[in-house]
Amino acid sequence: MGLVVGLMFIGTAVLMSPRARPGEVCCHGTVVEVSHGYAYGEPAWRSRVEFRDTSGRPWLFEPDLSGPARPVVGQQVALSYLPADPRGTVRRTDGPIRWYPWLAAGLGVLAIVSAPFMSQA
């Protein structure tokens, strides 16, 4: 049973890992505004990030992820986008989106390694 659960976690990690898109441009943006709100009944922070595309045109982006850690105005964040549609394709490439797959994979390995010990109970 632990093997199945472990493989499910590892499979989930592989599926949720962000993948580079063909033609994607990586850049850095700057947090320009921070607002307070709630996510799932818990206090959360939301930020607006400004970045410039390859031609120098400025864009604003609101990341989907919010959390309890307050972003700092002026903070640099890693982004990527497709030059044909910067507004519609921009996404953060740092923060939780980078380590969630590793967390899921670690839980999967833990489930597989602990499976023989759990079956003896």
PDB file of N, CA and C in Angstrom:
ATOM      1  N   MET A   1       0.821  -1.200   0.000  1.00  0.00           N
ATOM      2  CA  MET A   1       0.000   0.000   0.000  1.00  0.00           C
ATOM      3  C   MET A   1       0.867   1.267   0.000  1.00  0.00           C
ATOM      4  N   GLY A   2       1.947   1.229   0.818  1.00  0.00           N
ATOM      5  CA  GLY A   2       2.846   2.384   0.879  1.00  0.00           C
ATOM      6  C   GLY A   2       3.512   2.648  -0.463  1.00  0.00           C
ATOM      7  N   LEU A   3       3.796   1.568  -1.202  1.00  0.00           N
ATOM      8  CA  LEU A   3       4.400   1.719  -2.517  1.00  0.00           C
ATOM      9  C   LEU A   3       3.458   2.464  -3.464  1.00  0.00           C
ATOM     10  N   VAL A   4       2.198   2.112  -3.434  1.00  0.00           N
ATOM     11  CA  VAL A   4       1.199   2.750  -4.309  1.00  0.00           C
ATOM     12  C   VAL A   4       1.045   4.223  -3.945  1.00  0.00           C
ATOM     13  N   VAL A   5       0.928   4.504  -2.655  1.00  0.00           N
ATOM     14  CA  VAL A   5       0.784   5.900  -2.204  1.00  0.00           C
ATOM     15  C   VAL A   5       2.027   6.692  -2.582  1.00  0.00           C
ATOM     16  N   GLY A   6       3.198   6.106  -2.359  1.00  0.00           N
ATOM     17  CA  GLY A   6       4.441   6.780  -2.712  1.00  0.00           C
ATOM     18  C   GLY A   6       4.546   7.086  -4.192  1.00  0.00           C
ATOM     19  N   LEU A   7       4.186   6.121  -5.030  1.00  0.00           N
ATOM     20  CA  LEU A   7       4.225   6.347  -6.471  1.00  0.00           C
ATOM     21  C   LEU A   7       3.211   7.398  -6.902  1.00  0.00           C
ATOM     22  N   MET A   8       2.077   7.457  -6.223  1.00  0.00           N
ATOM     23  CA  MET A   8       1.083   8.493  -6.536  1.00  0.00           C
ATOM     24  C   MET A   8       1.646   9.888  -6.224  1.00  0.00           C
ATOM     25  N   PHE A   9       2.321  10.036  -5.088  1.00  0.00           N
ATOM     26  CA  PHE A   9       2.917  11.324  -4.737  1.00  0.00           C
ATOM     27  C   PHE A   9       4.010  11.706  -5.733  1.00  0.00           C
ATOM     28  N   ILE A  10       4.839  10.756  -6.113  1.00  0.00           N
ATOM     29  CA  ILE A  10       5.910  11.049  -7.066  1.00  0.00           C
ATOM     30  C   ILE A  10       5.324  11.412  -8.430  1.00  0.00           C
ATOM     31  N   GLY A  11       4.291  10.699  -8.862  1.00  0.00           N
ATOM     32  CA  GLY A  11       3.613  11.035 -10.117  1.00  0.00           C
ATOM     33  C   GLY A  11       3.010  12.423 -10.085  1.00  0.00           C
ATOM     34  N   THR A  12       2.414  12.782  -8.957  1.00  0.00           N
ATOM     35  CA  THR A  12       1.853  14.124  -8.788  1.00  0.00           C
ATOM     36  C   THR A  12       2.954  15.177  -8.883  1.00  0.00           C
ATOM     37  N   ALA A  13       4.097  14.891  -8.273  1.00  0.00           N
ATOM     38  CA  ALA A  13       5.220  15.831  -8.329  1.00  0.00           C
ATOM     39  C   ALA A  13       5.668  16.063  -9.761  1.00  0.00           C
ATOM     40  N   VAL A  14       5.740  15.007 -10.540  1.00  0.00           N
ATOM     41  CA  VAL A  14       6.162  15.140 -11.938  1.00  0.00           C
ATOM     42  C   VAL A  14       5.153  15.976 -12.714  1.00  0.00           C
ATOM     43  N   LEU A  15       3.864  15.734 -12.492  1.00  0.00           N
ATOM     44  CA  LEU A  15       2.827  16.460 -13.231  1.00  0.00           C
ATOM     45  C   LEU A  15       2.738  17.933 -12.837  1.00  0.00           C
ATOM     46  N   MET A  16       3.033  18.269 -11.580  1.00  0.00           N
ATOM     47  CA  MET A  16       2.882  19.657 -11.141  1.00  0.00           C
ATOM     48  C   MET A  16       4.153  20.489 -11.320  1.00  0.00           C
ATOM     49  N   SER A  17       5.236  19.878 -11.780  1.00  0.00           N
ATOM     50  CA  SER A  17       6.483  20.615 -12.011  1.00  0.00           C
ATOM     51  C   SER A  17       6.309  21.570 -13.183  1.00  0.00           C
ATOM     52  N   PRO A  18       6.681  22.841 -12.988  1.00  0.00           N
ATOM     53  CA  PRO A  18       6.569  23.778 -14.108  1.00  0.00           C
ATOM     54  C   PRO A  18       7.554  23.412 -15.209  1.00  0.00           C
ATOM     55  N   ARG A  19       7.108  23.472 -16.429  1.00  0.00           N
ATOM     56  CA  ARG A  19       7.955  23.146 -17.564  1.00  0.00           C
ATOM     57  C   ARG A  19       8.172  24.395 -18.429  1.00  0.00           C
ATOM     58  N   ALA A  20       9.365  24.497 -18.966  1.00  0.00           N
ATOM     59  CA  ALA A  20       9.658  25.609 -19.865  1.00  0.00           C
ATOM     60  C   ALA A  20       8.858  25.436 -21.148  1.00  0.00           C
ATOM     61  N   ARG A  21       8.352  26.536 -21.656  1.00  0.00           N
ATOM     62  CA  ARG A  21       7.597  26.517 -22.908  1.00  0.00           C
ATOM     63  C   ARG A  21       8.515  26.968 -24.039  1.00  0.00           C
ATOM     64  N   PRO A  22       8.355  26.419 -25.238  1.00  0.00           N
ATOM     65  CA  PRO A  22       9.204  26.839 -26.364  1.00  0.00           C
ATOM     66  C   PRO A  22       9.067  28.343 -26.618  1.00  0.00           C
ATOM     67  N   GLY A  23      10.185  29.029 -26.713  1.00  0.00           N
ATOM     68  CA  GLY A  23      10.185  30.469 -26.975  1.00  0.00           C
ATOM     69  C   GLY A  23       9.992  31.329 -25.743  1.00  0.00           C
ATOM     70  N   GLU A  24       9.925  30.719 -24.592  1.00  0.00           N
ATOM     71  CA  GLU A  24       9.680  31.447 -23.351  1.00  0.00           C
ATOM     72  C   GLU A  24      10.878  32.348 -23.006  1.00  0.00           C
ATOM     73  N   VAL A  25      10.573  33.546 -22.522  1.00  0.00           N
ATOM     74  CA  VAL A  25      11.596  34.505 -22.111  1.00  0.00           C
ATOM     75  C   VAL A  25      11.563  34.625 -20.592  1.00  0.00           C
ATOM     76  N   CYS A  26      12.723  34.536 -19.963  1.00  0.00           N
ATOM     77  CA  CYS A  26      12.823  34.697 -18.513  1.00  0.00           C
ATOM     78  C   CYS A  26      13.237  36.125 -18.200  1.00  0.00           C
ATOM     79  N   CYS A  27      12.667  36.686 -17.144  1.00  0.00           N
ATOM     80  CA  CYS A  27      13.006  38.045 -16.746  1.00  0.00           C
ATOM     81  C   CYS A  27      12.741  38.197 -15.247  1.00  0.00           C
ATOM     82  N   HIS A  28      12.997  39.373 -14.738  1.00  0.00           N
ATOM     83  CA  HIS A  28      12.681  39.682 -13.354  1.00  0.00           C
ATOM     84  C   HIS A  28      11.684  40.827 -13.332  1.00  0.00           C
ATOM     85  N   GLY A  29      10.780  40.767 -12.388  1.00  0.00           N
ATOM     86  CA  GLY A  29       9.824  41.828 -12.175  1.00  0.00           C
ATOM     87  C   GLY A  29      10.022  42.402 -10.787  1.00  0.00           C
ATOM     88  N   THR A  30       9.348  43.509 -10.522  1.00  0.00           N
ATOM     89  CA  THR A  30       9.456  44.181  -9.235  1.00  0.00           C
ATOM     90  C   THR A  30       8.065  44.294  -8.618  1.00  0.00           C
ATOM     91  N   VAL A  31       7.952  43.929  -7.343  1.00  0.00           N
ATOM     92  CA  VAL A  31       6.681  44.089  -6.630  1.00  0.00           C
ATOM     93  C   VAL A  31       6.438  45.585  -6.469  1.00  0.00           C
ATOM     94  N   VAL A  32       5.291  46.065  -6.989  1.00  0.00           N
ATOM     95  CA  VAL A  32       4.980  47.496  -6.940  1.00  0.00           C
ATOM     96  C   VAL A  32       3.814  47.818  -6.010  1.00  0.00           C
ATOM     97  N   GLU A  33       3.050  46.795  -5.629  1.00  0.00           N
ATOM     98  CA  GLU A  33       1.889  47.039  -4.762  1.00  0.00           C
ATOM     99  C   GLU A  33       1.582  45.767  -3.988  1.00  0.00           C
ATOM    100  N   VAL A  34       1.187  45.946  -2.735  1.00  0.00           N
ATOM    101  CA  VAL A  34       0.831  44.815  -1.882  1.00  0.00           C
ATOM    102  C   VAL A  34      -0.509  45.130  -1.237  1.00  0.00           C
ATOM    103  N   SER A  35      -1.424  44.162  -1.252  1.00  0.00           N
ATOM    104  CA  SER A  35      -2.716  44.347  -0.596  1.00  0.00           C
ATOM    105  C   SER A  35      -3.006  43.146   0.298  1.00  0.00           C
ATOM    106  N   HIS A  36      -3.850  43.370   1.287  1.00  0.00           N
ATOM    107  CA  HIS A  36      -4.185  42.336   2.261  1.00  0.00           C
ATOM    108  C   HIS A  36      -5.556  41.771   1.942  1.00  0.00           C
ATOM    109  N   GLY A  37      -5.704  40.483   2.126  1.00  0.00           N
ATOM    110  CA  GLY A  37      -6.993  39.845   1.901  1.00  0.00           C
ATOM    111  C   GLY A  37      -7.054  38.534   2.650  1.00  0.00           C
ATOM    112  N   TYR A  38      -7.928  37.662   2.202  1.00  0.00           N
ATOM    113  CA  TYR A  38      -8.099  36.357   2.840  1.00  0.00           C
ATOM    114  C   TYR A  38      -8.145  35.265   1.778  1.00  0.00           C
ATOM    115  N   ALA A  39      -7.528  34.132   2.083  1.00  0.00           N
ATOM    116  CA  ALA A  39      -7.580  32.954   1.219  1.00  0.00           C
ATOM    117  C   ALA A  39      -7.980  31.779   2.096  1.00  0.00           C
ATOM    118  N   TYR A  40      -9.087  31.154   1.784  1.00  0.00           N
ATOM    119  CA  TYR A  40      -9.599  30.025   2.568  1.00  0.00           C
ATOM    120  C   TYR A  40      -9.802  30.403   4.038  1.00  0.00           C
ATOM    121  N   GLY A  41     -10.241  31.639   4.278  1.00  0.00           N
ATOM    122  CA  GLY A  41     -10.518  32.099   5.633  1.00  0.00           C
ATOM    123  C   GLY A  41      -9.297  32.526   6.414  1.00  0.00           C
ATOM    124  N   GLU A  42      -8.123  32.447   5.829  1.00  0.00           N
ATOM    125  CA  GLU A  42      -6.877  32.822   6.498  1.00  0.00           C
ATOM    126  C   GLU A  42      -6.337  34.121   5.899  1.00  0.00           C
ATOM    127  N   PRO A  43      -5.677  34.934   6.713  1.00  0.00           N
ATOM    128  CA  PRO A  43      -5.069  36.160   6.169  1.00  0.00           C
ATOM    129  C   PRO A  43      -4.047  35.824   5.090  1.00  0.00           C
ATOM    130  N   ALA A  44      -4.033  36.606   4.047  1.00  0.00           N
ATOM    131  CA  ALA A  44      -3.108  36.374   2.939  1.00  0.00           C
ATOM    132  C   ALA A  44      -2.730  37.715   2.319  1.00  0.00           C
ATOM    133  N   TRP A  45      -1.636  37.706   1.590  1.00  0.00           N
ATOM    134  CA  TRP A  45      -1.167  38.901   0.901  1.00  0.00           C
ATOM    135  C   TRP A  45      -1.200  38.662  -0.588  1.00  0.00           C
ATOM    136  N   ARG A  46      -1.514  39.721  -1.297  1.00  0.00           N
ATOM    137  CA  ARG A  46      -1.557  39.671  -2.750  1.00  0.00           C
ATOM    138  C   ARG A  46      -0.644  40.775  -3.273  1.00  0.00           C
ATOM    139  N   SER A  47       0.047  40.510  -4.345  1.00  0.00           N
ATOM    140  CA  SER A  47       0.967  41.515  -4.864  1.00  0.00           C
ATOM    141  C   SER A  47       0.703  41.787  -6.343  1.00  0.00           C
ATOM    142  N   ARG A  48       1.151  42.948  -6.774  1.00  0.00           N
ATOM    143  CA  ARG A  48       1.170  43.293  -8.194  1.00  0.00           C
ATOM    144  C   ARG A  48       2.627  43.476  -8.576  1.00  0.00           C
ATOM    145  N   VAL A  49       2.991  42.897  -9.693  1.00  0.00           N
ATOM    146  CA  VAL A  49       4.381  42.898 -10.141  1.00  0.00           C
ATOM    147  C   VAL A  49       4.460  43.601 -11.493  1.00  0.00           C
ATOM    148  N   GLU A  50       5.424  44.485 -11.623  1.00  0.00           N
ATOM    149  CA  GLU A  50       5.667  45.134 -12.915  1.00  0.00           C
ATOM    150  C   GLU A  50       6.901  44.510 -13.543  1.00  0.00           C
ATOM    151  N   PHE A  51       6.816  44.243 -14.843  1.00  0.00           N
ATOM    152  CA  PHE A  51       7.962  43.737 -15.585  1.00  0.00           C
ATOM    153  C   PHE A  51       7.971  44.375 -16.965  1.00  0.00           C
ATOM    154  N   ARG A  52       9.081  44.288 -17.630  1.00  0.00           N
ATOM    155  CA  ARG A  52       9.205  44.837 -18.980  1.00  0.00           C
ATOM    156  C   ARG A  52       9.496  43.700 -19.952  1.00  0.00           C
ATOM    157  N   ASP A  53       8.827  43.759 -21.105  1.00  0.00           N
ATOM    158  CA  ASP A  53       9.062  42.727 -22.124  1.00  0.00           C
ATOM    159  C   ASP A  53      10.352  43.047 -22.880  1.00  0.00           C
ATOM    160  N   THR A  54      10.671  42.238 -23.873  1.00  0.00           N
ATOM    161  CA  THR A  54      11.941  42.395 -24.593  1.00  0.00           C
ATOM    162  C   THR A  54      12.037  43.730 -25.333  1.00  0.00           C
ATOM    163  N   SER A  55      10.901  44.351 -25.644  1.00  0.00           N
ATOM    164  CA  SER A  55      10.940  45.653 -26.314  1.00  0.00           C
ATOM    165  C   SER A  55      10.953  46.812 -25.321  1.00  0.00           C
ATOM    166  N   GLY A  56      10.904  46.519 -24.024  1.00  0.00           N
ATOM    167  CA  GLY A  56      10.938  47.567 -23.003  1.00  0.00           C
ATOM    168  C   GLY A  56       9.575  48.044 -22.544  1.00  0.00           C
ATOM    169  N   ARG A  57       8.513  47.485 -23.088  1.00  0.00           N
ATOM    170  CA  ARG A  57       7.159  47.897 -22.710  1.00  0.00           C
ATOM    171  C   ARG A  57       6.817  47.363 -21.313  1.00  0.00           C
ATOM    172  N   PRO A  58       6.289  48.218 -20.420  1.00  0.00           N
ATOM    173  CA  PRO A  58       5.957  47.757 -19.068  1.00  0.00           C
ATOM    174  C   PRO A  58       4.618  47.010 -19.031  1.00  0.00           C
ATOM    175  N   TRP A  59       4.549  46.004 -18.168  1.00  0.00           N
ATOM    176  CA  TRP A  59       3.335  45.216 -17.957  1.00  0.00           C
ATOM    177  C   TRP A  59       3.122  45.036 -16.462  1.00  0.00           C
ATOM    178  N   LEU A  60       1.855  44.911 -16.050  1.00  0.00           N
ATOM    179  CA  LEU A  60       1.519  44.587 -14.666  1.00  0.00           C
ATOM    180  C   LEU A  60       0.985  43.172 -14.613  1.00  0.00           C
ATOM    181  N   PHE A  61       1.319  42.476 -13.548  1.00  0.00           N
ATOM    182  CA  PHE A  61       0.959  41.071 -13.384  1.00  0.00           C
ATOM    183  C   PHE A  61       0.581  40.833 -11.933  1.00  0.00           C
ATOM    184  N   GLU A  62      -0.543  40.134 -11.712  1.00  0.00           N
ATOM    185  CA  GLU A  62      -0.961  39.729 -10.371  1.00  0.00           C
ATOM    186  C   GLU A  62      -0.807  38.226 -10.247  1.00  0.00           C
ATOM    187  N   PRO A  63       0.209  37.758  -9.521  1.00  0.00           N
ATOM    188  CA  PRO A  63       0.375  36.310  -9.365  1.00  0.00           C
ATOM    189  C   PRO A  63      -0.839  35.681  -8.693  1.00  0.00           C
ATOM    190  N   ASP A  64      -1.165  34.444  -9.082  1.00  0.00           N
ATOM    191  CA  ASP A  64      -2.302  33.742  -8.496  1.00  0.00           C
ATOM    192  C   ASP A  64      -2.053  33.357  -7.052  1.00  0.00           C
ATOM    193  N   LEU A  65      -0.818  33.002  -6.737  1.00  0.00           N
ATOM    194  CA  LEU A  65      -0.518  32.508  -5.407  1.00  0.00           C
ATOM    195  C   LEU A  65      -0.413  33.656  -4.415  1.00  0.00           C
ATOM    196  N   SER A  66      -1.050  33.492  -3.284  1.00  0.00           N
ATOM    197  CA  SER A  66      -0.911  34.438  -2.191  1.00  0.00           C
ATOM    198  C   SER A  66      -0.653  33.624  -0.939  1.00  0.00           C
ATOM    199  N   GLY A  67      -0.148  34.234   0.073  1.00  0.00           N
ATOM    200  CA  GLY A  67       0.153  33.476   1.279  1.00  0.00           C
ATOM    201  C   GLY A  67       0.325  34.357   2.483  1.00  0.00           C
ATOM    202  N   PRO A  68       0.711  33.758   3.611  1.00  0.00           N
ATOM    203  CA  PRO A  68       0.826  34.519   4.846  1.00  0.00           C
ATOM    204  C   PRO A  68       2.060  35.418   4.893  1.00  0.00           C
ATOM    205  N   ALA A  69       3.078  35.153   4.080  1.00  0.00           N
ATOM    206  CA  ALA A  69       4.279  35.984   4.075  1.00  0.00           C
ATOM    207  C   ALA A  69       4.028  37.246   3.257  1.00  0.00           C
ATOM    208  N   ARG A  70       4.238  38.391   3.873  1.00  0.00           N
ATOM    209  CA  ARG A  70       3.960  39.661   3.196  1.00  0.00           C
ATOM    210  C   ARG A  70       5.065  39.984   2.196  1.00  0.00           C
ATOM    211  N   PRO A  71       4.710  40.137   0.912  1.00  0.00           N
ATOM    212  CA  PRO A  71       5.712  40.564  -0.071  1.00  0.00           C
ATOM    213  C   PRO A  71       6.165  41.987   0.239  1.00  0.00           C
ATOM    214  N   VAL A  72       7.354  42.330  -0.162  1.00  0.00           N
ATOM    215  CA  VAL A  72       7.918  43.648   0.094  1.00  0.00           C
ATOM    216  C   VAL A  72       7.921  44.441  -1.205  1.00  0.00           C
ATOM    217  N   VAL A  73       7.405  45.662  -1.164  1.00  0.00           N
ATOM    218  CA  VAL A  73       7.442  46.522  -2.341  1.00  0.00           C
ATOM    219  C   VAL A  73       8.912  46.740  -2.703  1.00  0.00           C
ATOM    220  N   GLY A  74       9.246  46.555  -3.970  1.00  0.00           N
ATOM    221  CA  GLY A  74      10.612  46.670  -4.448  1.00  0.00           C
ATOM    222  C   GLY A  74      11.318  45.332  -4.572  1.00  0.00           C
ATOM    223  N   GLN A  75      10.704  44.274  -4.031  1.00  0.00           N
ATOM    224  CA  GLN A  75      11.280  42.927  -4.098  1.00  0.00           C
ATOM    225  C   GLN A  75      11.314  42.449  -5.540  1.00  0.00           C
ATOM    226  N   GLN A  76      12.399  41.798  -5.934  1.00  0.00           N
ATOM    227  CA  GLN A  76      12.534  41.227  -7.272  1.00  0.00           C
ATOM    228  C   GLN A  76      11.966  39.806  -7.276  1.00  0.00           C
ATOM    229  N   VAL A  77      11.218  39.458  -8.328  1.00  0.00           N
ATOM    230  CA  VAL A  77      10.677  38.113  -8.483  1.00  0.00           C
ATOM    231  C   VAL A  77      11.017  37.607  -9.886  1.00  0.00           C
ATOM    232  N   ALA A  78      11.222  36.298 -10.000  1.00  0.00           N
ATOM    233  CA  ALA A  78      11.546  35.691 -11.299  1.00  0.00           C
ATOM    234  C   ALA A  78      10.250  35.398 -12.053  1.00  0.00           C
ATOM    235  N   LEU A  79      10.225  35.748 -13.329  1.00  0.00           N
ATOM    236  CA  LEU A  79       9.057  35.558 -14.186  1.00  0.00           C
ATOM    237  C   LEU A  79       9.487  34.941 -15.511  1.00  0.00           C
ATOM    238  N   SER A  80       8.513  34.431 -16.231  1.00  0.00           N
ATOM    239  CA  SER A  80       8.731  34.033 -17.621  1.00  0.00           C
ATOM    240  C   SER A  80       7.444  34.303 -18.390  1.00  0.00           C
ATOM    241  N   TYR A  81       7.580  34.519 -19.699  1.00  0.00           N
ATOM    242  CA  TYR A  81       6.418  34.815 -20.544  1.00  0.00           C
ATOM    243  C   TYR A  81       6.762  34.487 -21.987  1.00  0.00           C
ATOM    244  N   LEU A  82       5.724  34.408 -22.804  1.00  0.00           N
ATOM    245  CA  LEU A  82       5.909  34.232 -24.244  1.00  0.00           C
ATOM    246  C   LEU A  82       5.832  35.602 -24.901  1.00  0.00           C
ATOM    247  N   PRO A  83       6.804  35.980 -25.723  1.00  0.00           N
ATOM    248  CA  PRO A  83       6.836  37.312 -26.319  1.00  0.00           C
ATOM    249  C   PRO A  83       5.584  37.674 -27.124  1.00  0.00           C
ATOM    250  N   ALA A  84       4.909  36.700 -27.708  1.00  0.00           N
ATOM    251  CA  ALA A  84       3.716  36.990 -28.507  1.00  0.00           C
ATOM    252  C   ALA A  84       2.548  37.466 -27.639  1.00  0.00           C
ATOM    253  N   ASP A  85       2.536  37.111 -26.339  1.00  0.00           N
ATOM    254  CA  ASP A  85       1.433  37.486 -25.452  1.00  0.00           C
ATOM    255  C   ASP A  85       1.926  37.608 -24.007  1.00  0.00           C
ATOM    256  N   PRO A  86       2.692  38.661 -23.687  1.00  0.00           N
ATOM    257  CA  PRO A  86       3.227  38.792 -22.339  1.00  0.00           C
ATOM    258  C   PRO A  86       2.138  38.824 -21.259  1.00  0.00           C
ATOM    259  N   ARG A  87       1.050  39.551 -21.500  1.00  0.00           N
ATOM    260  CA  ARG A  87      -0.003  39.681 -20.487  1.00  0.00           C
ATOM    261  C   ARG A  87      -0.680  38.342 -20.196  1.00  0.00           C
ATOM    262  N   GLY A  88      -0.933  37.553 -21.220  1.00  0.00           N
ATOM    263  CA  GLY A  88      -1.670  36.312 -21.035  1.00  0.00           C
ATOM    264  C   GLY A  88      -0.826  35.112 -20.634  1.00  0.00           C
ATOM    265  N   THR A  89       0.511  35.212 -20.770  1.00  0.00           N
ATOM    266  CA  THR A  89       1.338  34.029 -20.514  1.00  0.00           C
ATOM    267  C   THR A  89       2.330  34.202 -19.374  1.00  0.00           C
ATOM    268  N   VAL A  90       2.393  35.389 -18.774  1.00  0.00           N
ATOM    269  CA  VAL A  90       3.372  35.606 -17.704  1.00  0.00           C
ATOM    270  C   VAL A  90       3.051  34.729 -16.498  1.00  0.00           C
ATOM    271  N   ARG A  91       4.119  34.220 -15.858  1.00  0.00           N
ATOM    272  CA  ARG A  91       3.963  33.406 -14.655  1.00  0.00           C
ATOM    273  C   ARG A  91       5.213  33.552 -13.803  1.00  0.00           C
ATOM    274  N   ARG A  92       5.026  33.361 -12.506  1.00  0.00           N
ATOM    275  CA  ARG A  92       6.174  33.377 -11.595  1.00  0.00           C
ATOM    276  C   ARG A  92       6.917  32.065 -11.723  1.00  0.00           C
ATOM    277  N   THR A  93       8.225  32.137 -11.615  1.00  0.00           N
ATOM    278  CA  THR A  93       9.027  30.923 -11.677  1.00  0.00           C
ATOM    279  C   THR A  93       9.858  30.738 -10.414  1.00  0.00           C
ATOM    280  N   ASP A  94       9.536  31.499  -9.371  1.00  0.00           N
ATOM    281  CA  ASP A  94      10.194  31.318  -8.089  1.00  0.00           C
ATOM    282  C   ASP A  94       9.127  31.151  -7.015  1.00  0.00           C
ATOM    283  N   GLY A  95       9.524  31.022  -5.786  1.00  0.00           N
ATOM    284  CA  GLY A  95       8.570  30.877  -4.693  1.00  0.00           C
ATOM    285  C   GLY A  95       8.023  29.465  -4.583  1.00  0.00           C
ATOM    286  N   PRO A  96       6.824  29.313  -4.012  1.00  0.00           N
ATOM    287  CA  PRO A  96       6.264  27.981  -3.751  1.00  0.00           C
ATOM    288  C   PRO A  96       6.131  27.097  -4.982  1.00  0.00           C
ATOM    289  N   ILE A  97       5.875  27.678  -6.133  1.00  0.00           N
ATOM    290  CA  ILE A  97       5.700  26.877  -7.341  1.00  0.00           C
ATOM    291  C   ILE A  97       6.963  26.078  -7.654  1.00  0.00           C
ATOM    292  N   ARG A  98       8.112  26.527  -7.156  1.00  0.00           N
ATOM    293  CA  ARG A  98       9.375  25.820  -7.378  1.00  0.00           C
ATOM    294  C   ARG A  98       9.559  24.648  -6.420  1.00  0.00           C
ATOM    295  N   TRP A  99       9.073  24.784  -5.160  1.00  0.00           N
ATOM    296  CA  TRP A  99       9.353  23.715  -4.202  1.00  0.00           C
ATOM    297  C   TRP A  99       8.187  22.782  -3.916  1.00  0.00           C
ATOM    298  N   TYR A 100       6.980  23.087  -4.327  1.00  0.00           N
ATOM    299  CA  TYR A 100       5.851  22.158  -4.129  1.00  0.00           C
ATOM    300  C   TYR A 100       6.109  20.777  -4.737  1.00  0.00           C
ATOM    301  N   PRO A 101       6.610  20.693  -5.976  1.00  0.00           N
ATOM    302  CA  PRO A 101       6.870  19.353  -6.529  1.00  0.00           C
ATOM    303  C   PRO A 101       7.905  18.568  -5.717  1.00  0.00           C
ATOM    304  N   TRP A 102       8.919  19.256  -5.192  1.00  0.00           N
ATOM    305  CA  TRP A 102       9.929  18.575  -4.375  1.00  0.00           C
ATOM    306  C   TRP A 102       9.320  18.053  -3.074  1.00  0.00           C
ATOM    307  N   LEU A 103       8.396  18.823  -2.513  1.00  0.00           N
ATOM    308  CA  LEU A 103       7.708  18.377  -1.294  1.00  0.00           C
ATOM    309  C   LEU A 103       6.897  17.111  -1.582  1.00  0.00           C
ATOM    310  N   ALA A 104       6.155  17.111  -2.667  1.00  0.00           N
ATOM    311  CA  ALA A 104       5.356  15.931  -3.037  1.00  0.00           C
ATOM    312  C   ALA A 104       6.254  14.729  -3.313  1.00  0.00           C
ATOM    313  N   ALA A 105       7.366  14.940  -4.011  1.00  0.00           N
ATOM    314  CA  ALA A 105       8.284  13.831  -4.296  1.00  0.00           C
ATOM    315  C   ALA A 105       8.895  13.293  -3.007  1.00  0.00           C
ATOM    316  N   GLY A 106       9.256  14.183  -2.084  1.00  0.00           N
ATOM    317  CA  GLY A 106       9.814  13.749  -0.799  1.00  0.00           C
ATOM    318  C   GLY A 106       8.834  12.926   0.007  1.00  0.00           C
ATOM    319  N   LEU A 107       7.573  13.342   0.003  1.00  0.00           N
ATOM    320  CA  LEU A 107       6.543  12.557   0.697  1.00  0.00           C
ATOM    321  C   LEU A 107       6.372  11.187   0.044  1.00  0.00           C
ATOM    322  N   GLY A 108       6.475  11.143  -1.278  1.00  0.00           N
ATOM    323  CA  GLY A 108       6.375   9.868  -1.984  1.00  0.00           C
ATOM    324  C   GLY A 108       7.510   8.932  -1.622  1.00  0.00           C
ATOM    325  N   VAL A 109       8.724   9.458  -1.586  1.00  0.00           N
ATOM    326  CA  VAL A 109       9.877   8.633  -1.213  1.00  0.00           C
ATOM    327  C   VAL A 109       9.736   8.167   0.230  1.00  0.00           C
ATOM    328  N   LEU A 110       9.290   9.050   1.110  1.00  0.00           N
ATOM    329  CA  LEU A 110       9.078   8.680   2.519  1.00  0.00           C
ATOM    330  C   LEU A 110       8.051   7.551   2.640  1.00  0.00           C
ATOM    331  N   ALA A 111       6.974   7.634   1.878  1.00  0.00           N
ATOM    332  CA  ALA A 111       5.945   6.588   1.915  1.00  0.00           C
ATOM    333  C   ALA A 111       6.499   5.252   1.426  1.00  0.00           C
ATOM    334  N   ILE A 112       7.313   5.283   0.375  1.00  0.00           N
ATOM    335  CA  ILE A 112       7.885   4.040  -0.161  1.00  0.00           C
ATOM    336  C   ILE A 112       8.887   3.438   0.829  1.00  0.00           C
ATOM    337  N   VAL A 113       9.760   4.275   1.389  1.00  0.00           N
ATOM    338  CA  VAL A 113      10.787   3.784   2.311  1.00  0.00           C
ATOM    339  C   VAL A 113      10.170   3.247   3.600  1.00  0.00           C
ATOM    340  N   SER A 114       9.111   3.887   4.073  1.00  0.00           N
ATOM    341  CA  SER A 114       8.510   3.478   5.341  1.00  0.00           C
ATOM    342  C   SER A 114       7.507   2.336   5.171  1.00  0.00           C
ATOM    343  N   ALA A 115       7.155   1.989   3.950  1.00  0.00           N
ATOM    344  CA  ALA A 115       6.139   0.946   3.704  1.00  0.00           C
ATOM    345  C   ALA A 115       6.472  -0.386   4.381  1.00  0.00           C
ATOM    346  N   PRO A 116       7.715  -0.883   4.295  1.00  0.00           N
ATOM    347  CA  PRO A 116       7.991  -2.185   4.959  1.00  0.00           C
ATOM    348  C   PRO A 116       7.816  -2.137   6.476  1.00  0.00           C
ATOM    349  N   PHE A 117       8.108  -0.995   7.075  1.00  0.00           N
ATOM    350  CA  PHE A 117       8.002  -0.871   8.529  1.00  0.00           C
ATOM    351  C   PHE A 117       6.539  -0.739   8.961  1.00  0.00           C
ATOM    352  N   MET A 118       5.724  -0.117   8.130  1.00  0.00           N
ATOM    353  CA  MET A 118       4.308   0.081   8.459  1.00  0.00           C
ATOM    354  C   MET A 118       3.527  -1.237   8.333  1.00  0.00           C
ATOM    355  N   SER A 119       3.945  -2.107   7.435  1.00  0.00           N
ATOM    356  CA  SER A 119       3.210  -3.351   7.236  1.00  0.00           C
ATOM    357  C   SER A 119       3.440  -4.349   8.382  1.00  0.00           C
ATOM    358  N   GLN A 120       4.490  -4.135   9.175  1.00  0.00           N
ATOM    359  CA  GLN A 120       4.783  -5.024  10.296  1.00  0.00           C
ATOM    360  C   GLN A 120       3.982  -4.661  11.532  1.00  0.00           C
ATOM    361  N   ALA A 121       3.338  -3.546  11.544  1.00  0.00           N
ATOM    362  CA  ALA A 121       2.584  -3.100  12.730  1.00  0.00           C
ATOM    363  C   ALA A 121       1.324  -3.888  12.934  1.00  0.00           C
TER     364      ALA A 121
END
